[in-house]
Structures are given as C-alpha cells and as structure tokens.
Amino acid sequence: MESVKCLFCNNESKEVFWQENGYIGRKCHNCNLIYVSPRPEEKEMALLYKIGKAGGVSTKEHINYSYGKELIAKHALSIIKKYKTRGNILEVGSGGDNF
C-alpha cells in the first residue's frame, strides 16, 4: 500500500470521509475530491486484475451481477434527479461499474 496526495491539486488530507473493505476514502480540503489513500501499489493492482479478483469478486461473478448493478444504478439516478433534473452526468472513477 502507498499513501498518496490529492490527484488534482496535490494536497494531503488526513480527513477520513469513508472506510470500506479496508480502504480509506479521504476528502481534499482544497478541491473536495474524494480519493483512496493509502491505495494498493501498481504491482498489487496488476495482480488483482490478472487473477480476476479486482473489486473482490471474479470477473465472471462481476458480469453475472449485471441485474443487481442495473438496480443500483437506477436507485442512484433517482437520488441524483432530486438535485439535477436535466443535463449530463459524468462518472469519474468507475468504482463498481454501476453506470
């Protein structure tokens, strides 16, 4: 694991915004980007993708969860529509690939 600074403005944040599956999301006080730090090093990530376990499930399992992902995306969009009724959205950092 390696500690990193904000990818946009290179500031370091100690604020823990969320924690999940051993990962820590930090919120930059300068630009409000939420990023993971510490994060797996490049070699660790390459291995996870090579063995098909990026995201904690196999590639086949990930594809099989498509119906559930669609439901999650619809729920997320219903929340977004309360604040933004028209226009485009951009998903930055695909995460669980719900969109």
PDB file of N, CA and C in Angstrom:
ATOM      1  N   MET A   1       0.845  -1.182   0.000  1.00  0.00           N
ATOM      2  CA  MET A   1       0.000   0.000   0.000  1.00  0.00           C
ATOM      3  C   MET A   1       0.889   1.243   0.000  1.00  0.00           C
ATOM      4  N   GLU A   2       0.405   2.283  -0.673  1.00  0.00           N
ATOM      5  CA  GLU A   2       1.155   3.528  -0.722  1.00  0.00           C
ATOM      6  C   GLU A   2       0.234   4.700  -0.398  1.00  0.00           C
ATOM      7  N   SER A   3       0.738   5.644   0.386  1.00  0.00           N
ATOM      8  CA  SER A   3      -0.007   6.863   0.686  1.00  0.00           C
ATOM      9  C   SER A   3       0.151   7.823  -0.475  1.00  0.00           C
ATOM     10  N   VAL A   4      -0.944   8.462  -0.850  1.00  0.00           N
ATOM     11  CA  VAL A   4      -0.913   9.415  -1.960  1.00  0.00           C
ATOM     12  C   VAL A   4      -1.611  10.706  -1.548  1.00  0.00           C
ATOM     13  N   LYS A   5      -1.330  11.757  -2.312  1.00  0.00           N
ATOM     14  CA  LYS A   5      -1.988  13.051  -2.127  1.00  0.00           C
ATOM     15  C   LYS A   5      -3.114  13.183  -3.143  1.00  0.00           C
ATOM     16  N   CYS A   6      -3.874  14.247  -3.046  1.00  0.00           N
ATOM     17  CA  CYS A   6      -4.960  14.522  -3.984  1.00  0.00           C
ATOM     18  C   CYS A   6      -4.428  14.499  -5.415  1.00  0.00           C
ATOM     19  N   LEU A   7      -5.118  13.780  -6.278  1.00  0.00           N
ATOM     20  CA  LEU A   7      -4.677  13.646  -7.668  1.00  0.00           C
ATOM     21  C   LEU A   7      -4.848  14.933  -8.465  1.00  0.00           C
ATOM     22  N   PHE A   8      -5.741  15.820  -8.015  1.00  0.00           N
ATOM     23  CA  PHE A   8      -5.989  17.058  -8.739  1.00  0.00           C
ATOM     24  C   PHE A   8      -5.075  18.201  -8.299  1.00  0.00           C
ATOM     25  N   CYS A   9      -4.951  18.406  -6.989  1.00  0.00           N
ATOM     26  CA  CYS A   9      -4.221  19.598  -6.534  1.00  0.00           C
ATOM     27  C   CYS A   9      -3.016  19.283  -5.640  1.00  0.00           C
ATOM     28  N   ASN A  10      -2.723  17.992  -5.451  1.00  0.00           N
ATOM     29  CA  ASN A  10      -1.521  17.544  -4.745  1.00  0.00           C
ATOM     30  C   ASN A  10      -1.507  17.923  -3.262  1.00  0.00           C
ATOM     31  N   ASN A  11      -2.675  18.206  -2.694  1.00  0.00           N
ATOM     32  CA  ASN A  11      -2.762  18.451  -1.253  1.00  0.00           C
ATOM     33  C   ASN A  11      -2.950  17.124  -0.531  1.00  0.00           C
ATOM     34  N   GLU A  12      -2.519  17.071   0.715  1.00  0.00           N
ATOM     35  CA  GLU A  12      -2.672  15.859   1.511  1.00  0.00           C
ATOM     36  C   GLU A  12      -3.807  16.057   2.511  1.00  0.00           C
ATOM     37  N   SER A  13      -4.678  15.070   2.631  1.00  0.00           N
ATOM     38  CA  SER A  13      -5.776  15.155   3.581  1.00  0.00           C
ATOM     39  C   SER A  13      -5.670  14.013   4.580  1.00  0.00           C
ATOM     40  N   LYS A  14      -5.898  14.330   5.835  1.00  0.00           N
ATOM     41  CA  LYS A  14      -5.948  13.319   6.886  1.00  0.00           C
ATOM     42  C   LYS A  14      -7.403  12.956   7.214  1.00  0.00           C
ATOM     43  N   GLU A  15      -8.356  13.731   6.660  1.00  0.00           N
ATOM     44  CA  GLU A  15      -9.769  13.512   6.960  1.00  0.00           C
ATOM     45  C   GLU A  15     -10.257  12.203   6.335  1.00  0.00           C
ATOM     46  N   VAL A  16     -10.803  11.342   7.171  1.00  0.00           N
ATOM     47  CA  VAL A  16     -11.387  10.094   6.685  1.00  0.00           C
ATOM     48  C   VAL A  16     -12.841  10.386   6.315  1.00  0.00           C
ATOM     49  N   PHE A  17     -13.162  10.240   5.042  1.00  0.00           N
ATOM     50  CA  PHE A  17     -14.508  10.507   4.545  1.00  0.00           C
ATOM     51  C   PHE A  17     -15.363   9.242   4.595  1.00  0.00           C
ATOM     52  N   TRP A  18     -14.758   8.100   4.253  1.00  0.00           N
ATOM     53  CA  TRP A  18     -15.419   6.795   4.362  1.00  0.00           C
ATOM     54  C   TRP A  18     -14.375   5.700   4.473  1.00  0.00           C
ATOM     55  N   GLN A  19     -14.814   4.545   4.976  1.00  0.00           N
ATOM     56  CA  GLN A  19     -13.968   3.364   5.051  1.00  0.00           C
ATOM     57  C   GLN A  19     -14.792   2.179   4.578  1.00  0.00           C
ATOM     58  N   GLU A  20     -14.187   1.337   3.733  1.00  0.00           N
ATOM     59  CA  GLU A  20     -14.903   0.177   3.208  1.00  0.00           C
ATOM     60  C   GLU A  20     -13.901  -0.877   2.770  1.00  0.00           C
ATOM     61  N   ASN A  21     -14.101  -2.101   3.204  1.00  0.00           N
ATOM     62  CA  ASN A  21     -13.257  -3.237   2.806  1.00  0.00           C
ATOM     63  C   ASN A  21     -11.771  -2.973   2.999  1.00  0.00           C
ATOM     64  N   GLY A  22     -11.421  -2.268   4.062  1.00  0.00           N
ATOM     65  CA  GLY A  22     -10.021  -1.991   4.342  1.00  0.00           C
ATOM     66  C   GLY A  22      -9.454  -0.782   3.616  1.00  0.00           C
ATOM     67  N   TYR A  23     -10.270  -0.094   2.818  1.00  0.00           N
ATOM     68  CA  TYR A  23      -9.817   1.102   2.098  1.00  0.00           C
ATOM     69  C   TYR A  23     -10.330   2.345   2.803  1.00  0.00           C
ATOM     70  N   ILE A  24      -9.583   3.433   2.695  1.00  0.00           N
ATOM     71  CA  ILE A  24      -9.949   4.697   3.327  1.00  0.00           C
ATOM     72  C   ILE A  24     -10.117   5.755   2.245  1.00  0.00           C
ATOM     73  N   GLY A  25     -11.286   6.374   2.209  1.00  0.00           N
ATOM     74  CA  GLY A  25     -11.535   7.488   1.307  1.00  0.00           C
ATOM     75  C   GLY A  25     -11.286   8.793   2.043  1.00  0.00           C
ATOM     76  N   ARG A  26     -10.483   9.638   1.463  1.00  0.00           N
ATOM     77  CA  ARG A  26     -10.157  10.933   2.074  1.00  0.00           C
ATOM     78  C   ARG A  26     -10.713  12.059   1.200  1.00  0.00           C
ATOM     79  N   LYS A  27     -11.124  13.143   1.845  1.00  0.00           N
ATOM     80  CA  LYS A  27     -11.674  14.283   1.115  1.00  0.00           C
ATOM     81  C   LYS A  27     -10.675  15.432   1.148  1.00  0.00           C
ATOM     82  N   CYS A  28     -10.317  15.912  -0.036  1.00  0.00           N
ATOM     83  CA  CYS A  28      -9.385  17.029  -0.149  1.00  0.00           C
ATOM     84  C   CYS A  28     -10.075  18.315   0.305  1.00  0.00           C
ATOM     85  N   HIS A  29      -9.416  19.047   1.183  1.00  0.00           N
ATOM     86  CA  HIS A  29      -9.996  20.298   1.693  1.00  0.00           C
ATOM     87  C   HIS A  29      -9.894  21.437   0.685  1.00  0.00           C
ATOM     88  N   ASN A  30      -9.053  21.274  -0.330  1.00  0.00           N
ATOM     89  CA  ASN A  30      -8.865  22.318  -1.333  1.00  0.00           C
ATOM     90  C   ASN A  30      -9.871  22.202  -2.483  1.00  0.00           C
ATOM     91  N   CYS A  31     -10.024  20.991  -3.055  1.00  0.00           N
ATOM     92  CA  CYS A  31     -10.879  20.840  -4.240  1.00  0.00           C
ATOM     93  C   CYS A  31     -12.066  19.894  -4.038  1.00  0.00           C
ATOM     94  N   ASN A  32     -12.170  19.294  -2.845  1.00  0.00           N
ATOM     95  CA  ASN A  32     -13.267  18.392  -2.478  1.00  0.00           C
ATOM     96  C   ASN A  32     -13.249  17.033  -3.179  1.00  0.00           C
ATOM     97  N   LEU A  33     -12.174  16.690  -3.870  1.00  0.00           N
ATOM     98  CA  LEU A  33     -12.049  15.364  -4.462  1.00  0.00           C
ATOM     99  C   LEU A  33     -11.984  14.333  -3.343  1.00  0.00           C
ATOM    100  N   ILE A  34     -12.664  13.231  -3.527  1.00  0.00           N
ATOM    101  CA  ILE A  34     -12.568  12.121  -2.584  1.00  0.00           C
ATOM    102  C   ILE A  34     -11.696  11.064  -3.249  1.00  0.00           C
ATOM    103  N   TYR A  35     -10.633  10.676  -2.578  1.00  0.00           N
ATOM    104  CA  TYR A  35      -9.680   9.734  -3.161  1.00  0.00           C
ATOM    105  C   TYR A  35      -9.260   8.701  -2.126  1.00  0.00           C
ATOM    106  N   VAL A  36      -8.730   7.589  -2.586  1.00  0.00           N
ATOM    107  CA  VAL A  36      -8.311   6.497  -1.709  1.00  0.00           C
ATOM    108  C   VAL A  36      -6.838   6.656  -1.371  1.00  0.00           C
ATOM    109  N   SER A  37      -6.549   6.666  -0.075  1.00  0.00           N
ATOM    110  CA  SER A  37      -5.164   6.699   0.395  1.00  0.00           C
ATOM    111  C   SER A  37      -5.124   6.151   1.814  1.00  0.00           C
ATOM    112  N   PRO A  38      -4.291   5.161   2.074  1.00  0.00           N
ATOM    113  CA  PRO A  38      -3.353   4.548   1.148  1.00  0.00           C
ATOM    114  C   PRO A  38      -4.088   3.656   0.146  1.00  0.00           C
ATOM    115  N   ARG A  39      -3.439   3.410  -0.962  1.00  0.00           N
ATOM    116  CA  ARG A  39      -4.021   2.595  -2.023  1.00  0.00           C
ATOM    117  C   ARG A  39      -3.041   1.492  -2.406  1.00  0.00           C
ATOM    118  N   PRO A  40      -3.535   0.440  -3.048  1.00  0.00           N
ATOM    119  CA  PRO A  40      -2.621  -0.615  -3.479  1.00  0.00           C
ATOM    120  C   PRO A  40      -1.600  -0.065  -4.478  1.00  0.00           C
ATOM    121  N   GLU A  41      -0.386  -0.573  -4.387  1.00  0.00           N
ATOM    122  CA  GLU A  41       0.630  -0.181  -5.357  1.00  0.00           C
ATOM    123  C   GLU A  41       0.312  -0.802  -6.710  1.00  0.00           C
ATOM    124  N   GLU A  42       0.930  -0.284  -7.754  1.00  0.00           N
ATOM    125  CA  GLU A  42       0.647  -0.722  -9.114  1.00  0.00           C
ATOM    126  C   GLU A  42       0.810  -2.238  -9.276  1.00  0.00           C
ATOM    127  N   LYS A  43       1.835  -2.818  -8.676  1.00  0.00           N
ATOM    128  CA  LYS A  43       2.067  -4.263  -8.788  1.00  0.00           C
ATOM    129  C   LYS A  43       0.918  -5.051  -8.152  1.00  0.00           C
ATOM    130  N   GLU A  44       0.427  -4.560  -7.003  1.00  0.00           N
ATOM    131  CA  GLU A  44      -0.687  -5.227  -6.329  1.00  0.00           C
ATOM    132  C   GLU A  44      -1.953  -5.187  -7.182  1.00  0.00           C
ATOM    133  N   MET A  45      -2.236  -4.033  -7.775  1.00  0.00           N
ATOM    134  CA  MET A  45      -3.419  -3.894  -8.613  1.00  0.00           C
ATOM    135  C   MET A  45      -3.313  -4.775  -9.850  1.00  0.00           C
ATOM    136  N   ALA A  46      -2.133  -4.821 -10.470  1.00  0.00           N
ATOM    137  CA  ALA A  46      -1.940  -5.650 -11.657  1.00  0.00           C
ATOM    138  C   ALA A  46      -2.222  -7.115 -11.329  1.00  0.00           C
ATOM    139  N   LEU A  47      -1.775  -7.567 -10.167  1.00  0.00           N
ATOM    140  CA  LEU A  47      -2.010  -8.951  -9.765  1.00  0.00           C
ATOM    141  C   LEU A  47      -3.506  -9.214  -9.561  1.00  0.00           C
ATOM    142  N   LEU A  48      -4.203  -8.283  -8.909  1.00  0.00           N
ATOM    143  CA  LEU A  48      -5.645  -8.451  -8.696  1.00  0.00           C
ATOM    144  C   LEU A  48      -6.393  -8.575 -10.019  1.00  0.00           C
ATOM    145  N   TYR A  49      -6.027  -7.750 -10.997  1.00  0.00           N
ATOM    146  CA  TYR A  49      -6.682  -7.829 -12.293  1.00  0.00           C
ATOM    147  C   TYR A  49      -6.282  -9.106 -13.027  1.00  0.00           C
ATOM    148  N   LYS A  50      -5.038  -9.518 -12.888  1.00  0.00           N
ATOM    149  CA  LYS A  50      -4.546 -10.719 -13.578  1.00  0.00           C
ATOM    150  C   LYS A  50      -5.289 -11.969 -13.107  1.00  0.00           C
ATOM    151  N   ILE A  51      -5.529 -12.070 -11.803  1.00  0.00           N
ATOM    152  CA  ILE A  51      -6.220 -13.252 -11.284  1.00  0.00           C
ATOM    153  C   ILE A  51      -7.741 -13.067 -11.290  1.00  0.00           C
ATOM    154  N   GLY A  52      -8.201 -11.922 -11.811  1.00  0.00           N
ATOM    155  CA  GLY A  52      -9.641 -11.686 -11.928  1.00  0.00           C
ATOM    156  C   GLY A  52     -10.328 -11.400 -10.621  1.00  0.00           C
ATOM    157  N   LYS A  53      -9.626 -10.796  -9.666  1.00  0.00           N
ATOM    158  CA  LYS A  53     -10.215 -10.513  -8.359  1.00  0.00           C
ATOM    159  C   LYS A  53     -10.242  -9.026  -8.021  1.00  0.00           C
ATOM    160  N   ALA A  54     -10.141  -8.152  -8.990  1.00  0.00           N
ATOM    161  CA  ALA A  54     -10.258  -6.721  -8.716  1.00  0.00           C
ATOM    162  C   ALA A  54     -11.689  -6.444  -8.280  1.00  0.00           C
ATOM    163  N   GLY A  55     -11.849  -5.734  -7.211  1.00  0.00           N
ATOM    164  CA  GLY A  55     -13.180  -5.444  -6.685  1.00  0.00           C
ATOM    165  C   GLY A  55     -13.699  -6.524  -5.754  1.00  0.00           C
ATOM    166  N   GLY A  56     -12.883  -7.537  -5.462  1.00  0.00           N
ATOM    167  CA  GLY A  56     -13.268  -8.560  -4.500  1.00  0.00           C
ATOM    168  C   GLY A  56     -14.035  -9.740  -5.067  1.00  0.00           C
ATOM    169  N   VAL A  57     -14.413  -9.683  -6.338  1.00  0.00           N
ATOM    170  CA  VAL A  57     -15.111 -10.805  -6.961  1.00  0.00           C
ATOM    171  C   VAL A  57     -14.414 -11.157  -8.276  1.00  0.00           C
ATOM    172  N   SER A  58     -14.669 -12.356  -8.751  1.00  0.00           N
ATOM    173  CA  SER A  58     -14.060 -12.758 -10.010  1.00  0.00           C
ATOM    174  C   SER A  58     -14.714 -12.004 -11.165  1.00  0.00           C
ATOM    175  N   THR A  59     -14.063 -11.991 -12.307  1.00  0.00           N
ATOM    176  CA  THR A  59     -14.603 -11.325 -13.488  1.00  0.00           C
ATOM    177  C   THR A  59     -15.952 -11.930 -13.863  1.00  0.00           C
ATOM    178  N   LYS A  60     -16.051 -13.251 -13.802  1.00  0.00           N
ATOM    179  CA  LYS A  60     -17.301 -13.930 -14.140  1.00  0.00           C
ATOM    180  C   LYS A  60     -18.423 -13.528 -13.174  1.00  0.00           C
ATOM    181  N   GLU A  61     -18.113 -13.480 -11.883  1.00  0.00           N
ATOM    182  CA  GLU A  61     -19.118 -13.068 -10.898  1.00  0.00           C
ATOM    183  C   GLU A  61     -19.558 -11.636 -11.144  1.00  0.00           C
ATOM    184  N   HIS A  62     -18.601 -10.778 -11.495  1.00  0.00           N
ATOM    185  CA  HIS A  62     -18.891  -9.368 -11.758  1.00  0.00           C
ATOM    186  C   HIS A  62     -19.884  -9.237 -12.913  1.00  0.00           C
ATOM    187  N   ILE A  63     -19.679 -10.001 -13.974  1.00  0.00           N
ATOM    188  CA  ILE A  63     -20.582  -9.967 -15.126  1.00  0.00           C
ATOM    189  C   ILE A  63     -21.951 -10.512 -14.737  1.00  0.00           C
ATOM    190  N   ASN A  64     -21.980 -11.561 -13.927  1.00  0.00           N
ATOM    191  CA  ASN A  64     -23.253 -12.164 -13.517  1.00  0.00           C
ATOM    192  C   ASN A  64     -24.084 -11.248 -12.638  1.00  0.00           C
ATOM    193  N   TYR A  65     -23.506 -10.254 -12.022  1.00  0.00           N
ATOM    194  CA  TYR A  65     -24.225  -9.331 -11.154  1.00  0.00           C
ATOM    195  C   TYR A  65     -24.840  -8.166 -11.935  1.00  0.00           C
ATOM    196  N   SER A  66     -24.952  -8.279 -13.251  1.00  0.00           N
ATOM    197  CA  SER A  66     -25.391  -7.145 -14.067  1.00  0.00           C
ATOM    198  C   SER A  66     -26.791  -6.660 -13.689  1.00  0.00           C
ATOM    199  N   TYR A  67     -27.715  -7.559 -13.366  1.00  0.00           N
ATOM    200  CA  TYR A  67     -29.067  -7.128 -12.990  1.00  0.00           C
ATOM    201  C   TYR A  67     -29.034  -6.306 -11.708  1.00  0.00           C
ATOM    202  N   GLY A  68     -28.277  -6.775 -10.721  1.00  0.00           N
ATOM    203  CA  GLY A  68     -28.149  -6.039  -9.470  1.00  0.00           C
ATOM    204  C   GLY A  68     -27.509  -4.685  -9.676  1.00  0.00           C
ATOM    205  N   LYS A  69     -26.488  -4.641 -10.556  1.00  0.00           N
ATOM    206  CA  LYS A  69     -25.834  -3.360 -10.837  1.00  0.00           C
ATOM    207  C   LYS A  69     -26.801  -2.391 -11.501  1.00  0.00           C
ATOM    208  N   GLU A  70     -27.672  -2.917 -12.353  1.00  0.00           N
ATOM    209  CA  GLU A  70     -28.660  -2.056 -13.010  1.00  0.00           C
ATOM    210  C   GLU A  70     -29.615  -1.457 -11.979  1.00  0.00           C
ATOM    211  N   LEU A  71     -30.032  -2.255 -11.006  1.00  0.00           N
ATOM    212  CA  LEU A  71     -30.915  -1.744  -9.954  1.00  0.00           C
ATOM    213  C   LEU A  71     -30.217  -0.673  -9.118  1.00  0.00           C
ATOM    214  N   ILE A  72     -28.951  -0.899  -8.806  1.00  0.00           N
ATOM    215  CA  ILE A  72     -28.181   0.084  -8.039  1.00  0.00           C
ATOM    216  C   ILE A  72     -28.075   1.387  -8.814  1.00  0.00           C
ATOM    217  N   ALA A  73     -27.799   1.280 -10.123  1.00  0.00           N
ATOM    218  CA  ALA A  73     -27.673   2.482 -10.960  1.00  0.00           C
ATOM    219  C   ALA A  73     -28.988   3.248 -11.013  1.00  0.00           C
ATOM    220  N   LYS A  74     -30.094   2.534 -11.164  1.00  0.00           N
ATOM    221  CA  LYS A  74     -31.403   3.203 -11.207  1.00  0.00           C
ATOM    222  C   LYS A  74     -31.693   3.918  -9.892  1.00  0.00           C
ATOM    223  N   HIS A  75     -31.344   3.277  -8.792  1.00  0.00           N
ATOM    224  CA  HIS A  75     -31.554   3.909  -7.482  1.00  0.00           C
ATOM    225  C   HIS A  75     -30.687   5.172  -7.350  1.00  0.00           C
ATOM    226  N   ALA A  76     -29.421   5.062  -7.764  1.00  0.00           N
ATOM    227  CA  ALA A  76     -28.523   6.221  -7.688  1.00  0.00           C
ATOM    228  C   ALA A  76     -29.048   7.366  -8.554  1.00  0.00           C
ATOM    229  N   LEU A  77     -29.530   7.051  -9.740  1.00  0.00           N
ATOM    230  CA  LEU A  77     -30.065   8.092 -10.622  1.00  0.00           C
ATOM    231  C   LEU A  77     -31.317   8.740 -10.030  1.00  0.00           C
ATOM    232  N   SER A  78     -32.128   7.970  -9.330  1.00  0.00           N
ATOM    233  CA  SER A  78     -33.318   8.567  -8.718  1.00  0.00           C
ATOM    234  C   SER A  78     -32.921   9.593  -7.657  1.00  0.00           C
ATOM    235  N   ILE A  79     -31.832   9.328  -6.952  1.00  0.00           N
ATOM    236  CA  ILE A  79     -31.335  10.286  -5.959  1.00  0.00           C
ATOM    237  C   ILE A  79     -30.757  11.514  -6.656  1.00  0.00           C
ATOM    238  N   ILE A  80     -29.967  11.301  -7.694  1.00  0.00           N
ATOM    239  CA  ILE A  80     -29.355  12.414  -8.440  1.00  0.00           C
ATOM    240  C   ILE A  80     -30.430  13.321  -9.028  1.00  0.00           C
ATOM    241  N   LYS A  81     -31.505  12.734  -9.551  1.00  0.00           N
ATOM    242  CA  LYS A  81     -32.572  13.526 -10.188  1.00  0.00           C
ATOM    243  C   LYS A  81     -33.279  14.476  -9.229  1.00  0.00           C
ATOM    244  N   LYS A  82     -33.169  14.238  -7.936  1.00  0.00           N
ATOM    245  CA  LYS A  82     -33.735  15.164  -6.961  1.00  0.00           C
ATOM    246  C   LYS A  82     -32.993  16.492  -6.972  1.00  0.00           C
ATOM    247  N   TYR A  83     -31.735  16.466  -7.383  1.00  0.00           N
ATOM    248  CA  TYR A  83     -30.878  17.661  -7.360  1.00  0.00           C
ATOM    249  C   TYR A  83     -30.559  18.188  -8.755  1.00  0.00           C
ATOM    250  N   LYS A  84     -30.590  17.303  -9.738  1.00  0.00           N
ATOM    251  CA  LYS A  84     -30.246  17.692 -11.117  1.00  0.00           C
ATOM    252  C   LYS A  84     -31.254  17.021 -12.040  1.00  0.00           C
ATOM    253  N   THR A  85     -32.181  17.816 -12.585  1.00  0.00           N
ATOM    254  CA  THR A  85     -33.281  17.233 -13.351  1.00  0.00           C
ATOM    255  C   THR A  85     -32.997  17.090 -14.841  1.00  0.00           C
ATOM    256  N   ARG A  86     -31.970  17.751 -15.342  1.00  0.00           N
ATOM    257  CA  ARG A  86     -31.658  17.632 -16.767  1.00  0.00           C
ATOM    258  C   ARG A  86     -30.158  17.795 -16.968  1.00  0.00           C
ATOM    259  N   GLY A  87     -29.703  17.442 -18.141  1.00  0.00           N
ATOM    260  CA  GLY A  87     -28.288  17.579 -18.466  1.00  0.00           C
ATOM    261  C   GLY A  87     -27.569  16.242 -18.402  1.00  0.00           C
ATOM    262  N   ASN A  88     -26.266  16.308 -18.455  1.00  0.00           N
ATOM    263  CA  ASN A  88     -25.428  15.112 -18.462  1.00  0.00           C
ATOM    264  C   ASN A  88     -24.748  14.931 -17.120  1.00  0.00           C
ATOM    265  N   ILE A  89     -24.362  13.689 -16.843  1.00  0.00           N
ATOM    266  CA  ILE A  89     -23.539  13.411 -15.675  1.00  0.00           C
ATOM    267  C   ILE A  89     -22.308  12.654 -16.144  1.00  0.00           C
ATOM    268  N   LEU A  90     -21.247  12.812 -15.418  1.00  0.00           N
ATOM    269  CA  LEU A  90     -20.002  12.123 -15.728  1.00  0.00           C
ATOM    270  C   LEU A  90     -19.612  11.290 -14.522  1.00  0.00           C
ATOM    271  N   GLU A  91     -19.450  10.006 -14.721  1.00  0.00           N
ATOM    272  CA  GLU A  91     -18.997   9.126 -13.653  1.00  0.00           C
ATOM    273  C   GLU A  91     -17.479   9.111 -13.691  1.00  0.00           C
ATOM    274  N   VAL A  92     -16.866   9.634 -12.645  1.00  0.00           N
ATOM    275  CA  VAL A  92     -15.412   9.700 -12.556  1.00  0.00           C
ATOM    276  C   VAL A  92     -14.946   8.592 -11.632  1.00  0.00           C
ATOM    277  N   GLY A  93     -14.093   7.737 -12.129  1.00  0.00           N
ATOM    278  CA  GLY A  93     -13.653   6.593 -11.335  1.00  0.00           C
ATOM    279  C   GLY A  93     -14.759   5.564 -11.321  1.00  0.00           C
ATOM    280  N   SER A  94     -14.692   4.593 -12.173  1.00  0.00           N
ATOM    281  CA  SER A  94     -15.817   3.693 -12.402  1.00  0.00           C
ATOM    282  C   SER A  94     -16.246   2.906 -11.176  1.00  0.00           C
ATOM    283  N   GLY A  95     -15.377   2.747 -10.199  1.00  0.00           N
ATOM    284  CA  GLY A  95     -15.776   2.032  -8.996  1.00  0.00           C
ATOM    285  C   GLY A  95     -16.375   0.681  -9.308  1.00  0.00           C
ATOM    286  N   GLY A  96     -17.609   0.453  -8.877  1.00  0.00           N
ATOM    287  CA  GLY A  96     -18.273  -0.819  -9.097  1.00  0.00           C
ATOM    288  C   GLY A  96     -18.903  -0.952 -10.468  1.00  0.00           C
ATOM    289  N   ASP A  97     -18.720  -0.014 -11.333  1.00  0.00           N
ATOM    290  CA  ASP A  97     -19.227  -0.074 -12.701  1.00  0.00           C
ATOM    291  C   ASP A  97     -20.752  -0.118 -12.741  1.00  0.00           C
ATOM    292  N   ASN A  98     -21.413   0.662 -11.877  1.00  0.00           N
ATOM    293  CA  ASN A  98     -22.867   0.627 -11.832  1.00  0.00           C
ATOM    294  C   ASN A  98     -23.519   1.404 -12.958  1.00  0.00           C
ATOM    295  N   PHE A  99     -22.828   2.358 -13.537  1.00  0.00           N
ATOM    296  CA  PHE A  99     -23.411   3.127 -14.624  1.00  0.00           C
ATOM    297  C   PHE A  99     -22.967   2.579 -15.953  1.00  0.00           C
TER     298      PHE A  99
END
